[in-house]
């Protein structure tokens, strides 16, 4: 999606993708990845996710990337902490404790000259239209060191005719996008029936949340 799309979503508070609590798949599966607690975790398109606080509580430093300045500001305001700004070529970096949030386009991340040993994606891949997903997967492959672990959460639903996020990214597409550079393993599937408002309304016949472990080859 174009940058303006996301700026408008945050400005109008149309942020249904933001979860008010920590993602259940993250709680259930993160520790199965075997990531050292001192490892810094890359979080693309992080928004103001509470998942970052949970990861920090596990001992991790966080490198989050977010396009919207409103999202970055909200993250720190809601945590009642005041970050220190640092201007970089392509980013405004906001730091406090173990948090480093890079305000700007994630696709410029290579300019930082950094590589990571762990990553977490709950709402990044599913926010990208189909033509951008291979570019995103290739960028992650360049940013992650061999052996790096990633927890990836996607959604799958039918019918899939939808022009705005979250986009359906089923298991076969995850393998197609990441299989060359990563080993891919399905960890869990949350199958939502009539309890999901989209299913209950008849908008969707099913709406599932999938969780994967990816290991950089």
Protein backbone atom coordinates (compact mmCIF):
# COMPACT_ATOMS: atom_id res chain seq x y z
CA UNK A 1 0.00 0.00 0.00
CA UNK A 2 1.09 3.59 -0.55
CA UNK A 3 2.50 5.49 2.44
CA UNK A 4 -0.44 7.91 2.41
CA UNK A 5 -2.85 5.02 2.95
CA UNK A 6 -1.22 4.19 6.29
CA UNK A 7 -0.86 7.81 7.36
CA UNK A 8 -4.60 8.28 6.81
CA UNK A 9 -5.44 5.11 8.71
CA UNK A 10 -3.54 6.31 11.76
CA UNK A 11 -4.79 9.88 11.49
CA UNK A 12 -8.40 8.69 11.39
CA UNK A 13 -7.81 6.01 14.07
CA UNK A 14 -8.88 3.27 11.65
CA UNK A 15 -6.45 0.81 13.20
CA UNK A 16 -8.47 -2.38 13.52
CA UNK A 17 -5.23 -4.27 12.88
CA UNK A 18 -3.94 -3.14 16.30
CA UNK A 19 -4.49 -5.79 18.95
CA UNK A 20 -5.20 -4.48 22.48
CA UNK A 21 -3.53 -7.50 24.07
CA UNK A 22 -0.47 -9.64 23.40
CA UNK A 23 -0.91 -12.09 20.52
CA UNK A 24 -1.70 -15.61 21.69
CA UNK A 25 0.57 -17.27 19.16
CA UNK A 26 3.47 -15.13 20.36
CA UNK A 27 2.91 -16.20 23.98
CA UNK A 28 2.51 -19.86 23.01
CA UNK A 29 5.32 -20.34 20.53
CA UNK A 30 8.04 -17.72 20.95
CA UNK A 31 10.04 -19.72 23.47
CA UNK A 32 9.95 -22.80 21.24
CA UNK A 33 12.19 -20.98 18.76
CA UNK A 34 15.17 -21.14 21.10
CA UNK A 35 16.06 -17.46 20.73
CA UNK A 36 18.57 -16.27 23.31
CA UNK A 37 16.95 -13.74 25.64
CA UNK A 38 19.70 -11.20 24.94
CA UNK A 39 18.99 -11.26 21.19
CA UNK A 40 17.62 -8.10 19.60
CA UNK A 41 14.34 -8.74 17.77
CA UNK A 42 13.50 -7.12 14.44
CA UNK A 43 9.82 -6.10 14.27
CA UNK A 44 8.81 -4.79 10.81
CA UNK A 45 5.77 -2.51 10.45
CA UNK A 46 5.45 -2.58 14.22
CA UNK A 47 2.77 0.06 14.80
CA UNK A 48 2.29 0.51 18.54
CA UNK A 49 2.05 -3.22 19.18
CA UNK A 50 1.93 -4.39 22.77
CA UNK A 51 3.78 -7.49 21.57
CA UNK A 52 6.98 -5.44 21.69
CA UNK A 53 6.54 -4.90 25.43
CA UNK A 54 6.05 -8.64 25.93
CA UNK A 55 9.23 -9.40 23.98
CA UNK A 56 11.10 -6.82 26.06
CA UNK A 57 9.84 -8.53 29.22
CA UNK A 58 11.48 -11.73 27.96
CA UNK A 59 14.82 -9.89 27.94
CA UNK A 60 14.98 -8.83 24.29
CA UNK A 61 15.96 -5.48 22.84
CA UNK A 62 13.58 -4.34 20.12
CA UNK A 63 14.30 -2.83 16.69
CA UNK A 64 10.90 -1.77 15.40
CA UNK A 65 10.21 -0.14 12.04
CA UNK A 66 7.11 1.99 11.57
CA UNK A 67 6.06 4.45 8.88
CA UNK A 68 3.59 6.47 10.96
CA UNK A 69 4.91 9.05 13.44
CA UNK A 70 1.53 8.87 15.21
CA UNK A 71 2.02 5.16 15.86
CA UNK A 72 5.53 5.69 17.21
CA UNK A 73 4.42 8.54 19.45
CA UNK A 74 1.45 6.51 20.73
CA UNK A 75 3.67 3.55 21.57
CA UNK A 76 5.84 5.60 23.90
CA UNK A 77 3.00 7.74 25.29
CA UNK A 78 0.93 4.71 26.24
CA UNK A 79 3.97 3.22 27.96
CA UNK A 80 4.52 6.58 29.72
CA UNK A 81 8.15 6.74 28.65
CA UNK A 82 10.01 9.55 26.87
CA UNK A 83 12.37 8.39 24.10
CA UNK A 84 15.49 10.14 22.88
CA UNK A 85 15.44 11.12 19.18
CA UNK A 86 18.34 10.46 16.83
CA UNK A 87 18.28 11.59 13.21
CA UNK A 88 19.57 9.12 10.63
CA UNK A 89 19.72 9.43 6.85
CA UNK A 90 16.46 7.61 6.17
CA UNK A 91 14.96 7.42 9.65
CA UNK A 92 14.12 9.28 12.78
CA UNK A 93 15.14 6.82 15.48
CA UNK A 94 13.44 6.96 18.88
CA UNK A 95 15.23 5.15 21.70
CA UNK A 96 14.50 4.32 25.30
CA UNK A 97 15.99 1.44 27.23
CA UNK A 98 15.93 -1.58 24.95
CA UNK A 99 13.51 -0.02 22.47
CA UNK A 100 14.71 1.46 19.17
CA UNK A 101 11.86 2.48 16.89
CA UNK A 102 12.86 3.57 13.41
CA UNK A 103 10.29 5.97 11.97
CA UNK A 104 10.32 5.61 8.20
CA UNK A 105 9.99 3.15 5.33
CA UNK A 106 10.99 -0.39 6.32
CA UNK A 107 12.19 -1.03 2.77
CA UNK A 108 15.11 1.33 3.46
CA UNK A 109 16.28 -0.79 6.41
CA UNK A 110 19.41 -2.03 4.65
CA UNK A 111 20.83 1.50 4.73
CA UNK A 112 21.39 1.03 8.46
CA UNK A 113 23.97 -1.67 7.77
CA UNK A 114 22.47 -3.90 10.46
CA UNK A 115 21.64 -7.62 10.55
CA UNK A 116 19.55 -9.50 13.08
CA UNK A 117 19.30 -12.93 14.67
CA UNK A 118 15.56 -12.88 15.38
CA UNK A 119 12.40 -11.34 13.95
CA UNK A 120 8.69 -11.20 14.69
CA UNK A 121 5.92 -10.39 12.21
CA UNK A 122 2.31 -10.35 13.35
CA UNK A 123 0.79 -7.78 10.96
CA UNK A 124 3.45 -6.82 8.40
CA UNK A 125 3.23 -9.44 5.66
CA UNK A 126 -0.58 -9.43 5.72
CA UNK A 127 -0.55 -5.64 5.35
CA UNK A 128 1.23 -5.84 1.99
CA UNK A 129 -0.48 -6.40 -1.37
CA UNK A 130 0.66 -9.42 -3.37
CA UNK A 131 3.25 -7.62 -5.59
CA UNK A 132 5.11 -6.31 -2.51
CA UNK A 133 5.29 -9.57 -0.58
CA UNK A 134 8.22 -11.11 -2.54
CA UNK A 135 10.16 -7.87 -2.05
CA UNK A 136 9.45 -8.01 1.67
CA UNK A 137 10.52 -11.66 1.95
CA UNK A 138 13.73 -10.96 0.04
CA UNK A 139 14.53 -7.99 2.29
CA UNK A 140 14.06 -10.09 5.41
CA UNK A 141 16.42 -12.69 3.97
CA UNK A 142 19.07 -9.97 3.58
CA UNK A 143 18.49 -8.53 7.06
CA UNK A 144 18.62 -11.83 8.96
CA UNK A 145 21.81 -13.76 9.66
CA UNK A 146 22.09 -17.47 8.82
CA UNK A 147 20.41 -19.41 11.59
CA UNK A 148 18.20 -16.48 12.60
CA UNK A 149 14.69 -17.41 13.78
CA UNK A 150 11.46 -15.64 12.92
CA UNK A 151 7.92 -16.05 14.21
CA UNK A 152 5.42 -15.18 11.48
CA UNK A 153 1.65 -14.81 11.96
CA UNK A 154 -0.65 -14.60 8.93
CA UNK A 155 -4.37 -14.88 8.25
CA UNK A 156 -6.21 -17.06 5.76
CA UNK A 157 -9.85 -16.61 4.82
CA UNK A 158 -12.37 -17.11 2.05
CA UNK A 159 -13.52 -15.60 -0.16
CA UNK A 160 -10.31 -13.63 -0.71
CA UNK A 161 -11.54 -10.75 -2.90
CA UNK A 162 -10.37 -7.88 -0.72
CA UNK A 163 -8.72 -4.61 -1.72
CA UNK A 164 -7.37 -3.57 1.68
CA UNK A 165 -5.49 -5.23 4.57
CA UNK A 166 -5.43 -7.66 6.19
CA UNK A 167 -4.72 -9.74 3.09
CA UNK A 168 -5.04 -13.52 3.11
CA UNK A 169 -1.62 -15.23 3.07
CA UNK A 170 -2.24 -19.00 3.25
CA UNK A 171 0.32 -21.66 4.10
CA UNK A 172 1.24 -22.41 0.49
CA UNK A 173 2.07 -18.76 -0.17
CA UNK A 174 4.28 -18.58 2.92
CA UNK A 175 6.27 -21.55 1.58
CA UNK A 176 6.45 -19.95 -1.86
CA UNK A 177 7.66 -16.61 -0.52
CA UNK A 178 10.18 -17.86 2.04
CA UNK A 179 10.99 -21.47 1.16
CA UNK A 180 14.17 -20.77 -0.83
CA UNK A 181 15.92 -18.78 1.91
CA UNK A 182 14.19 -20.16 5.01
CA UNK A 183 13.03 -23.44 6.43
CA UNK A 184 9.31 -23.03 7.12
CA UNK A 185 7.28 -24.90 9.74
CA UNK A 186 3.62 -24.42 10.61
CA UNK A 187 3.31 -24.20 14.41
CA UNK A 188 -0.37 -23.53 14.93
CA UNK A 189 -3.67 -22.69 13.31
CA UNK A 190 -6.48 -20.83 15.08
CA UNK A 191 -9.67 -21.69 13.23
CA UNK A 192 -12.35 -19.11 13.92
CA UNK A 193 -15.94 -20.05 13.15
CA UNK A 194 -19.09 -18.16 14.09
CA UNK A 195 -17.20 -16.45 16.91
CA UNK A 196 -15.45 -14.32 14.32
CA UNK A 197 -17.62 -11.32 13.37
CA UNK A 198 -16.64 -11.64 9.70
CA UNK A 199 -17.85 -15.23 9.65
CA UNK A 200 -20.96 -14.53 11.72
CA UNK A 201 -22.00 -11.75 9.33
CA UNK A 202 -21.59 -14.01 6.30
CA UNK A 203 -18.75 -11.89 4.91
CA UNK A 204 -16.37 -14.86 5.20
CA UNK A 205 -16.91 -18.61 5.18
CA UNK A 206 -13.84 -19.03 7.41
CA UNK A 207 -11.17 -16.81 8.95
CA UNK A 208 -8.06 -18.49 10.37
CA UNK A 209 -4.87 -17.24 11.98
CA UNK A 210 -1.70 -19.19 11.15
CA UNK A 211 1.63 -19.17 12.95
CA UNK A 212 4.96 -20.24 11.42
CA UNK A 213 8.54 -20.71 12.56
CA UNK A 214 11.06 -19.60 9.94
CA UNK A 215 14.77 -20.32 10.14
CA UNK A 216 17.19 -18.47 7.87
CA UNK A 217 19.24 -20.99 5.91
